[in-house]
Amino acid sequence: MKIAVLGTGGGARAHIAKLAELGHEVHVGTRDPKATLARSEPDMMGTPPFGAWLAGHPGIQLHTFADAADRAELVINGIDGHNAVAALSAAAGQLAGKTLVDYAVPFVYNPEVEHPWPTPWGVMPTLDPCDSDSLGEQIQRALPDTKVVKAFVTQEQATVVDPKAVGGGEHTMFIAGEDAGAKQTVTDLLTAYGWSDILDLGPLVAARGMEMYAHMHSAIGFALGFGTHFGIKVVR
């Protein structure tokens, strides 16, 4: 399958590498390919420059967001949540009719906000929107012709692409969306990643709870150390 991954951070790289390993044709989207390849410093999370990483992954193609989406049948959104709606809206034509898997969290980094923990960002981010709306729903409203599925949100992306790295894979992945066919496409991808416990939470409004879990996810990260893999298990 032709799959686009929009974003070049650590999470996006986990998907890019795994999809290539599974034999998919992978197209990577970034705002400005030349600027992305020219970067020589790590990002705010300490992730090394993408150009150096890409050099070790031959066959992966780098494009603008729109061009990557245009070449793909399935699109994975790894654009940071604060900028995702605007960036995806600019590629609305290329995303029309396609399934978009969104794992972004709408974090806003406000240096004026006091926080009890030191964080990799220097501040404890807030969520906007929160509770009465979600980023997943905002993306769906901005892209009415795209089939948005919220997924991959409650685990580190390295765990999403390798669930057996935690507890032999005995944990749960959540998905939500309005289109049954799109959710089946995402379920098939998750099965290929190695997931056996996938819980459909129903319509996209469930993205609110999935995104709000990000604060709990951060708290666990602070307690265990960022980079620690962990999962959630729903016992039925």
C-alpha atoms as a PDB file:
ATOM      1  CA  MET A   1       0.000   0.000   0.000  1.00  0.00           C
ATOM      2  CA  LYS A   2       1.079   3.595  -0.559  1.00  0.00           C
ATOM      3  CA  ILE A   3       1.110   5.285   2.846  1.00  0.00           C
ATOM      4  CA  ALA A   4       2.006   8.868   3.750  1.00  0.00           C
ATOM      5  CA  VAL A   5       3.341   9.823   7.157  1.00  0.00           C
ATOM      6  CA  LEU A   6       3.002  13.541   7.805  1.00  0.00           C
ATOM      7  CA  GLY A   7       5.705  14.690  10.207  1.00  0.00           C
ATOM      8  CA  THR A   8       9.364  13.921  10.810  1.00  0.00           C
ATOM      9  CA  GLY A   9       9.626  13.648  14.606  1.00  0.00           C
ATOM     10  CA  GLY A  10      10.459  10.577  16.623  1.00  0.00           C
ATOM     11  CA  GLY A  11       6.922   9.181  16.498  1.00  0.00           C
ATOM     12  CA  ALA A  12       6.648   9.643  12.752  1.00  0.00           C
ATOM     13  CA  ARG A  13      10.005   7.953  12.269  1.00  0.00           C
ATOM     14  CA  ALA A  14       8.783   4.888  14.168  1.00  0.00           C
ATOM     15  CA  HIS A  15       5.897   4.534  11.714  1.00  0.00           C
ATOM     16  CA  ILE A  16       8.030   5.285   8.665  1.00  0.00           C
ATOM     17  CA  ALA A  17      10.572   2.591   9.522  1.00  0.00           C
ATOM     18  CA  LYS A  18       7.948  -0.016  10.433  1.00  0.00           C
ATOM     19  CA  LEU A  19       5.855   0.610   7.316  1.00  0.00           C
ATOM     20  CA  ALA A  20       8.936   0.261   5.122  1.00  0.00           C
ATOM     21  CA  GLU A  21       9.833  -2.959   6.939  1.00  0.00           C
ATOM     22  CA  LEU A  22       6.333  -4.274   6.184  1.00  0.00           C
ATOM     23  CA  GLY A  23       6.851  -3.591   2.484  1.00  0.00           C
ATOM     24  CA  HIS A  24       4.698  -0.488   2.036  1.00  0.00           C
ATOM     25  CA  GLU A  25       5.626   2.385  -0.261  1.00  0.00           C
ATOM     26  CA  VAL A  26       6.217   5.209   2.220  1.00  0.00           C
ATOM     27  CA  HIS A  27       5.994   8.917   1.484  1.00  0.00           C
ATOM     28  CA  VAL A  28       6.948  11.417   4.188  1.00  0.00           C
ATOM     29  CA  GLY A  29       5.422  14.874   4.384  1.00  0.00           C
ATOM     30  CA  THR A  30       6.975  17.977   5.915  1.00  0.00           C
ATOM     31  CA  ARG A  31       6.218  21.686   5.659  1.00  0.00           C
ATOM     32  CA  ASP A  32       9.414  22.552   3.756  1.00  0.00           C
ATOM     33  CA  PRO A  33      11.570  19.599   2.625  1.00  0.00           C
ATOM     34  CA  LYS A  34      14.650  21.737   1.981  1.00  0.00           C
ATOM     35  CA  ALA A  35      14.465  23.319   5.427  1.00  0.00           C
ATOM     36  CA  THR A  36      13.883  19.931   7.063  1.00  0.00           C
ATOM     37  CA  LEU A  37      16.941  18.424   5.377  1.00  0.00           C
ATOM     38  CA  ALA A  38      19.048  21.474   6.229  1.00  0.00           C
ATOM     39  CA  ARG A  39      18.460  21.237   9.990  1.00  0.00           C
ATOM     40  CA  SER A  40      21.554  20.294  11.951  1.00  0.00           C
ATOM     41  CA  GLU A  41      20.304  20.506  15.539  1.00  0.00           C
ATOM     42  CA  PRO A  42      18.034  18.145  17.520  1.00  0.00           C
ATOM     43  CA  ASP A  43      14.397  19.151  17.965  1.00  0.00           C
ATOM     44  CA  MET A  44      12.800  20.175  21.287  1.00  0.00           C
ATOM     45  CA  MET A  45      12.528  16.513  22.298  1.00  0.00           C
ATOM     46  CA  GLY A  46      16.194  15.869  21.526  1.00  0.00           C
ATOM     47  CA  THR A  47      15.424  13.932  18.343  1.00  0.00           C
ATOM     48  CA  PRO A  48      18.388  14.065  15.913  1.00  0.00           C
ATOM     49  CA  PRO A  49      17.994  15.943  12.607  1.00  0.00           C
ATOM     50  CA  PHE A  50      15.785  14.162  10.094  1.00  0.00           C
ATOM     51  CA  GLY A  51      18.301  14.396   7.257  1.00  0.00           C
ATOM     52  CA  ALA A  52      20.807  12.209   9.076  1.00  0.00           C
ATOM     53  CA  TRP A  53      18.083   9.686   9.928  1.00  0.00           C
ATOM     54  CA  LEU A  54      16.754   9.643   6.358  1.00  0.00           C
ATOM     55  CA  ALA A  55      20.219   8.907   4.979  1.00  0.00           C
ATOM     56  CA  GLY A  56      20.087   5.588   6.819  1.00  0.00           C
ATOM     57  CA  HIS A  57      16.699   4.669   5.329  1.00  0.00           C
ATOM     58  CA  PRO A  58      17.064   4.468   1.560  1.00  0.00           C
ATOM     59  CA  GLY A  59      13.887   4.378  -0.480  1.00  0.00           C
ATOM     60  CA  ILE A  60      11.944   6.751   1.780  1.00  0.00           C
ATOM     61  CA  GLN A  61      10.763   9.814  -0.145  1.00  0.00           C
ATOM     62  CA  LEU A  62      10.393  13.288   1.398  1.00  0.00           C
ATOM     63  CA  HIS A  63       7.753  15.710   0.065  1.00  0.00           C
ATOM     64  CA  THR A  64       5.585  18.587   1.176  1.00  0.00           C
ATOM     65  CA  PHE A  65       2.522  17.607   3.208  1.00  0.00           C
ATOM     66  CA  ALA A  66       0.246  17.976   0.184  1.00  0.00           C
ATOM     67  CA  ASP A  67       2.496  16.059  -2.196  1.00  0.00           C
ATOM     68  CA  ALA A  68       2.931  13.181   0.267  1.00  0.00           C
ATOM     69  CA  ALA A  69      -0.833  12.966   0.820  1.00  0.00           C
ATOM     70  CA  ASP A  70      -1.451  13.082  -2.922  1.00  0.00           C
ATOM     71  CA  ARG A  71       0.742  10.008  -3.480  1.00  0.00           C
ATOM     72  CA  ALA A  72      -0.869   7.928  -0.743  1.00  0.00           C
ATOM     73  CA  GLU A  73      -3.906   5.735  -0.206  1.00  0.00           C
ATOM     74  CA  LEU A  74      -3.685   5.975   3.595  1.00  0.00           C
ATOM     75  CA  VAL A  75      -2.324   8.936   5.561  1.00  0.00           C
ATOM     76  CA  ILE A  76      -0.944   9.029   9.120  1.00  0.00           C
ATOM     77  CA  ASN A  77      -0.940  12.424  10.805  1.00  0.00           C
ATOM     78  CA  GLY A  78       2.065  13.082  13.016  1.00  0.00           C
ATOM     79  CA  ILE A  79       2.005  16.892  12.684  1.00  0.00           C
ATOM     80  CA  ASP A  80       2.190  18.622  16.067  1.00  0.00           C
ATOM     81  CA  GLY A  81      -1.288  19.255  17.403  1.00  0.00           C
ATOM     82  CA  HIS A  82      -0.990  23.033  17.603  1.00  0.00           C
ATOM     83  CA  ASN A  83      -0.424  23.296  13.837  1.00  0.00           C
ATOM     84  CA  ALA A  84      -2.244  20.213  12.549  1.00  0.00           C
ATOM     85  CA  VAL A  85      -5.572  21.737  11.466  1.00  0.00           C
ATOM     86  CA  ALA A  86      -3.978  24.523   9.423  1.00  0.00           C
ATOM     87  CA  ALA A  87      -1.407  22.228   7.816  1.00  0.00           C
ATOM     88  CA  LEU A  88      -3.956  19.549   6.936  1.00  0.00           C
ATOM     89  CA  SER A  89      -6.482  22.094   5.668  1.00  0.00           C
ATOM     90  CA  ALA A  90      -3.897  23.297   3.161  1.00  0.00           C
ATOM     91  CA  ALA A  91      -3.840  19.738   1.763  1.00  0.00           C
ATOM     92  CA  ALA A  92      -7.620  19.208   1.829  1.00  0.00           C
ATOM     93  CA  GLY A  93      -7.819  18.398  -1.868  1.00  0.00           C
ATOM     94  CA  GLN A  94      -5.117  15.758  -1.660  1.00  0.00           C
ATOM     95  CA  LEU A  95      -6.730  14.221   1.440  1.00  0.00           C
ATOM     96  CA  ALA A  96     -10.271  14.060   0.052  1.00  0.00           C
ATOM     97  CA  GLY A  97     -11.730  10.551   0.067  1.00  0.00           C
ATOM     98  CA  LYS A  98      -8.797   9.094   2.029  1.00  0.00           C
ATOM     99  CA  THR A  99      -8.475   7.627   5.491  1.00  0.00           C
ATOM    100  CA  LEU A 100      -6.452   9.851   7.840  1.00  0.00           C
ATOM    101  CA  VAL A 101      -5.168   8.298  11.057  1.00  0.00           C
ATOM    102  CA  ASP A 102      -4.654  11.093  13.578  1.00  0.00           C
ATOM    103  CA  TYR A 103      -2.486  10.546  16.632  1.00  0.00           C
ATOM    104  CA  ALA A 104      -1.720  14.208  17.357  1.00  0.00           C
ATOM    105  CA  VAL A 105      -2.446  15.722  20.771  1.00  0.00           C
ATOM    106  CA  PRO A 106      -3.443  19.431  20.970  1.00  0.00           C
ATOM    107  CA  PHE A 107      -0.685  20.512  23.337  1.00  0.00           C
ATOM    108  CA  VAL A 108      -0.060  24.235  23.777  1.00  0.00           C
ATOM    109  CA  TYR A 109       3.253  25.262  25.338  1.00  0.00           C
ATOM    110  CA  ASN A 110       2.747  28.309  27.552  1.00  0.00           C
ATOM    111  CA  PRO A 111       5.898  29.399  29.424  1.00  0.00           C
ATOM    112  CA  GLU A 112       3.748  31.426  31.824  1.00  0.00           C
ATOM    113  CA  VAL A 113       2.061  28.313  33.209  1.00  0.00           C
ATOM    114  CA  GLU A 114       3.584  27.071  36.455  1.00  0.00           C
ATOM    115  CA  HIS A 115       4.097  23.361  36.762  1.00  0.00           C
ATOM    116  CA  PRO A 116       5.279  20.944  39.469  1.00  0.00           C
ATOM    117  CA  TRP A 117       7.604  18.829  37.315  1.00  0.00           C
ATOM    118  CA  PRO A 118      10.597  19.574  35.120  1.00  0.00           C
ATOM    119  CA  THR A 119       9.673  18.498  31.591  1.00  0.00           C
ATOM    120  CA  PRO A 120      11.506  18.029  28.286  1.00  0.00           C
ATOM    121  CA  TRP A 121       9.663  21.132  27.029  1.00  0.00           C
ATOM    122  CA  GLY A 122      10.575  23.383  29.975  1.00  0.00           C
ATOM    123  CA  VAL A 123       6.879  23.834  30.810  1.00  0.00           C
ATOM    124  CA  MET A 124       3.904  21.597  31.439  1.00  0.00           C
ATOM    125  CA  PRO A 125       1.776  21.894  28.278  1.00  0.00           C
ATOM    126  CA  THR A 126      -1.960  22.477  28.359  1.00  0.00           C
ATOM    127  CA  LEU A 127      -4.594  20.950  26.082  1.00  0.00           C
ATOM    128  CA  ASP A 128      -6.555  23.174  23.696  1.00  0.00           C
ATOM    129  CA  PRO A 129      -9.192  22.116  22.785  1.00  0.00           C
ATOM    130  CA  CYS A 130     -10.160  20.042  25.779  1.00  0.00           C
ATOM    131  CA  ASP A 131     -13.297  18.364  27.120  1.00  0.00           C
ATOM    132  CA  SER A 132     -15.931  20.085  24.947  1.00  0.00           C
ATOM    133  CA  ASP A 133     -14.081  19.421  21.673  1.00  0.00           C
ATOM    134  CA  SER A 134     -11.075  17.521  20.370  1.00  0.00           C
ATOM    135  CA  LEU A 135      -8.379  17.945  17.764  1.00  0.00           C
ATOM    136  CA  GLY A 136      -9.694  14.864  15.979  1.00  0.00           C
ATOM    137  CA  GLU A 137     -13.128  16.462  15.644  1.00  0.00           C
ATOM    138  CA  GLN A 138     -11.608  19.769  14.531  1.00  0.00           C
ATOM    139  CA  ILE A 139      -9.686  17.986  11.790  1.00  0.00           C
ATOM    140  CA  GLN A 140     -12.833  16.168  10.659  1.00  0.00           C
ATOM    141  CA  ARG A 141     -14.789  19.434  10.484  1.00  0.00           C
ATOM    142  CA  ALA A 142     -11.986  21.079   8.514  1.00  0.00           C
ATOM    143  CA  LEU A 143     -11.776  18.072   6.166  1.00  0.00           C
ATOM    144  CA  PRO A 144     -15.365  16.877   5.646  1.00  0.00           C
ATOM    145  CA  ASP A 145     -14.362  14.727   2.656  1.00  0.00           C
ATOM    146  CA  THR A 146     -11.648  12.889   4.611  1.00  0.00           C
ATOM    147  CA  LYS A 147     -12.324   9.855   6.816  1.00  0.00           C
ATOM    148  CA  VAL A 148     -10.626  10.701  10.109  1.00  0.00           C
ATOM    149  CA  VAL A 149      -9.809   7.942  12.583  1.00  0.00           C
ATOM    150  CA  LYS A 150      -8.319   8.794  15.975  1.00  0.00           C
ATOM    151  CA  ALA A 151      -5.858   6.124  17.083  1.00  0.00           C
ATOM    152  CA  PHE A 152      -2.326   5.477  18.381  1.00  0.00           C
ATOM    153  CA  VAL A 153      -2.891   8.113  21.111  1.00  0.00           C
ATOM    154  CA  THR A 154      -2.459   6.266  24.402  1.00  0.00           C
ATOM    155  CA  GLN A 155       0.978   4.732  23.780  1.00  0.00           C
ATOM    156  CA  GLU A 156       4.401   5.920  22.707  1.00  0.00           C
ATOM    157  CA  GLN A 157       4.610   5.534  18.930  1.00  0.00           C
ATOM    158  CA  ALA A 158       7.522   3.125  19.316  1.00  0.00           C
ATOM    159  CA  THR A 159       5.087   0.905  21.213  1.00  0.00           C
ATOM    160  CA  VAL A 160       2.326   1.426  18.628  1.00  0.00           C
ATOM    161  CA  VAL A 161       4.512  -0.094  15.914  1.00  0.00           C
ATOM    162  CA  ASP A 162       5.843  -2.844  18.208  1.00  0.00           C
ATOM    163  CA  PRO A 163       3.183  -3.745  20.793  1.00  0.00           C
ATOM    164  CA  LYS A 164       4.958  -6.924  21.829  1.00  0.00           C
ATOM    165  CA  ALA A 165       7.733  -4.772  23.298  1.00  0.00           C
ATOM    166  CA  VAL A 166       5.435  -4.322  26.326  1.00  0.00           C
ATOM    167  CA  GLY A 167       4.022  -7.315  28.170  1.00  0.00           C
ATOM    168  CA  GLY A 168       4.179  -9.494  25.088  1.00  0.00           C
ATOM    169  CA  GLY A 169       1.564  -7.277  23.457  1.00  0.00           C
ATOM    170  CA  GLU A 170      -1.091  -7.914  26.112  1.00  0.00           C
ATOM    171  CA  HIS A 171      -2.550  -4.410  26.096  1.00  0.00           C
ATOM    172  CA  THR A 172      -5.270  -2.446  24.322  1.00  0.00           C
ATOM    173  CA  MET A 173      -5.331  -0.029  21.383  1.00  0.00           C
ATOM    174  CA  PHE A 174      -8.261   2.365  21.075  1.00  0.00           C
ATOM    175  CA  ILE A 175      -9.739   3.743  17.848  1.00  0.00           C
ATOM    176  CA  ALA A 176     -12.633   6.113  17.101  1.00  0.00           C
ATOM    177  CA  GLY A 177     -14.176   7.550  13.961  1.00  0.00           C
ATOM    178  CA  GLU A 178     -17.340   7.999  11.928  1.00  0.00           C
ATOM    179  CA  ASP A 179     -16.564   5.693   8.982  1.00  0.00           C
ATOM    180  CA  ALA A 180     -16.663   1.923   9.548  1.00  0.00           C
ATOM    181  CA  GLY A 181     -14.561   1.175   6.472  1.00  0.00           C
ATOM    182  CA  ALA A 182     -11.870   3.616   7.541  1.00  0.00           C
ATOM    183  CA  LYS A 183     -11.744   2.091  11.002  1.00  0.00           C
ATOM    184  CA  GLN A 184     -11.355  -1.348   9.444  1.00  0.00           C
ATOM    185  CA  THR A 185      -8.418  -0.049   7.370  1.00  0.00           C
ATOM    186  CA  VAL A 186      -6.762   1.220  10.563  1.00  0.00           C
ATOM    187  CA  THR A 187      -7.551  -2.029  12.362  1.00  0.00           C
ATOM    188  CA  ASP A 188      -5.871  -3.968   9.552  1.00  0.00           C
ATOM    189  CA  LEU A 189      -2.773  -1.784   9.868  1.00  0.00           C
ATOM    190  CA  LEU A 190      -2.697  -2.276  13.629  1.00  0.00           C
ATOM    191  CA  THR A 191      -3.017  -6.028  13.152  1.00  0.00           C
ATOM    192  CA  ALA A 192      -0.022  -5.906  10.817  1.00  0.00           C
ATOM    193  CA  TYR A 193       1.857  -3.987  13.528  1.00  0.00           C
ATOM    194  CA  GLY A 194       1.111  -6.873  15.892  1.00  0.00           C
ATOM    195  CA  TRP A 195      -1.948  -5.695  17.830  1.00  0.00           C
ATOM    196  CA  SER A 196      -4.510  -8.306  18.881  1.00  0.00           C
ATOM    197  CA  ASP A 197      -6.634  -6.256  21.317  1.00  0.00           C
ATOM    198  CA  ILE A 198      -8.221  -3.293  19.475  1.00  0.00           C
ATOM    199  CA  LEU A 199     -11.210  -1.573  21.064  1.00  0.00           C
ATOM    200  CA  ASP A 200     -13.485   0.555  18.870  1.00  0.00           C
ATOM    201  CA  LEU A 201     -14.788   3.389  21.055  1.00  0.00           C
ATOM    202  CA  GLY A 202     -17.370   4.432  18.481  1.00  0.00           C
ATOM    203  CA  PRO A 203     -17.793   7.905  16.946  1.00  0.00           C
ATOM    204  CA  LEU A 204     -15.088  10.539  16.800  1.00  0.00           C
ATOM    205  CA  VAL A 205     -16.382  12.318  19.900  1.00  0.00           C
ATOM    206  CA  ALA A 206     -14.448   9.621  21.806  1.00  0.00           C
ATOM    207  CA  ALA A 207     -11.276  11.403  20.671  1.00  0.00           C
ATOM    208  CA  ARG A 208     -11.872  13.844  23.552  1.00  0.00           C
ATOM    209  CA  GLY A 209     -11.134  11.216  26.154  1.00  0.00           C
ATOM    210  CA  MET A 210      -8.271   9.770  24.155  1.00  0.00           C
ATOM    211  CA  GLU A 211      -6.569  13.154  23.855  1.00  0.00           C
ATOM    212  CA  MET A 212      -7.178  14.096  27.505  1.00  0.00           C
ATOM    213  CA  TYR A 213      -5.374  10.904  28.478  1.00  0.00           C
ATOM    214  CA  ALA A 214      -2.204  12.695  27.328  1.00  0.00           C
ATOM    215  CA  HIS A 215      -1.827  14.276  30.769  1.00  0.00           C
ATOM    216  CA  MET A 216      -1.981  10.869  32.437  1.00  0.00           C
ATOM    217  CA  HIS A 217       0.466   9.581  29.857  1.00  0.00           C
ATOM    218  CA  SER A 218       2.828  12.460  30.725  1.00  0.00           C
ATOM    219  CA  ALA A 219       2.470  11.787  34.463  1.00  0.00           C
ATOM    220  CA  ILE A 220       3.435   8.146  33.945  1.00  0.00           C
ATOM    221  CA  GLY A 221       6.363   9.305  31.823  1.00  0.00           C
ATOM    222  CA  PHE A 222       7.526  11.656  34.571  1.00  0.00           C
ATOM    223  CA  ALA A 223       7.256   8.838  37.118  1.00  0.00           C
ATOM    224  CA  LEU A 224       8.953   6.113  35.073  1.00  0.00           C
ATOM    225  CA  GLY A 225      11.248   8.188  32.888  1.00  0.00           C
ATOM    226  CA  PHE A 226      10.503   9.298  29.355  1.00  0.00           C
ATOM    227  CA  GLY A 227      11.321   6.632  26.819  1.00  0.00           C
ATOM    228  CA  THR A 228       9.849   3.913  29.052  1.00  0.00           C
ATOM    229  CA  HIS A 229       7.383   1.781  27.140  1.00  0.00           C
ATOM    230  CA  PHE A 230       4.076   0.989  28.803  1.00  0.00           C
ATOM    231  CA  GLY A 231       0.566  -0.010  27.757  1.00  0.00           C
ATOM    232  CA  ILE A 232      -3.062   0.039  28.888  1.00  0.00           C
ATOM    233  CA  LYS A 233      -5.051  -3.161  29.266  1.00  0.00           C
ATOM    234  CA  VAL A 234      -8.847  -3.151  29.271  1.00  0.00           C
ATOM    235  CA  VAL A 235     -10.066  -6.218  31.156  1.00  0.00           C
ATOM    236  CA  ARG A 236     -13.514  -7.201  29.927  1.00  0.00           C
END
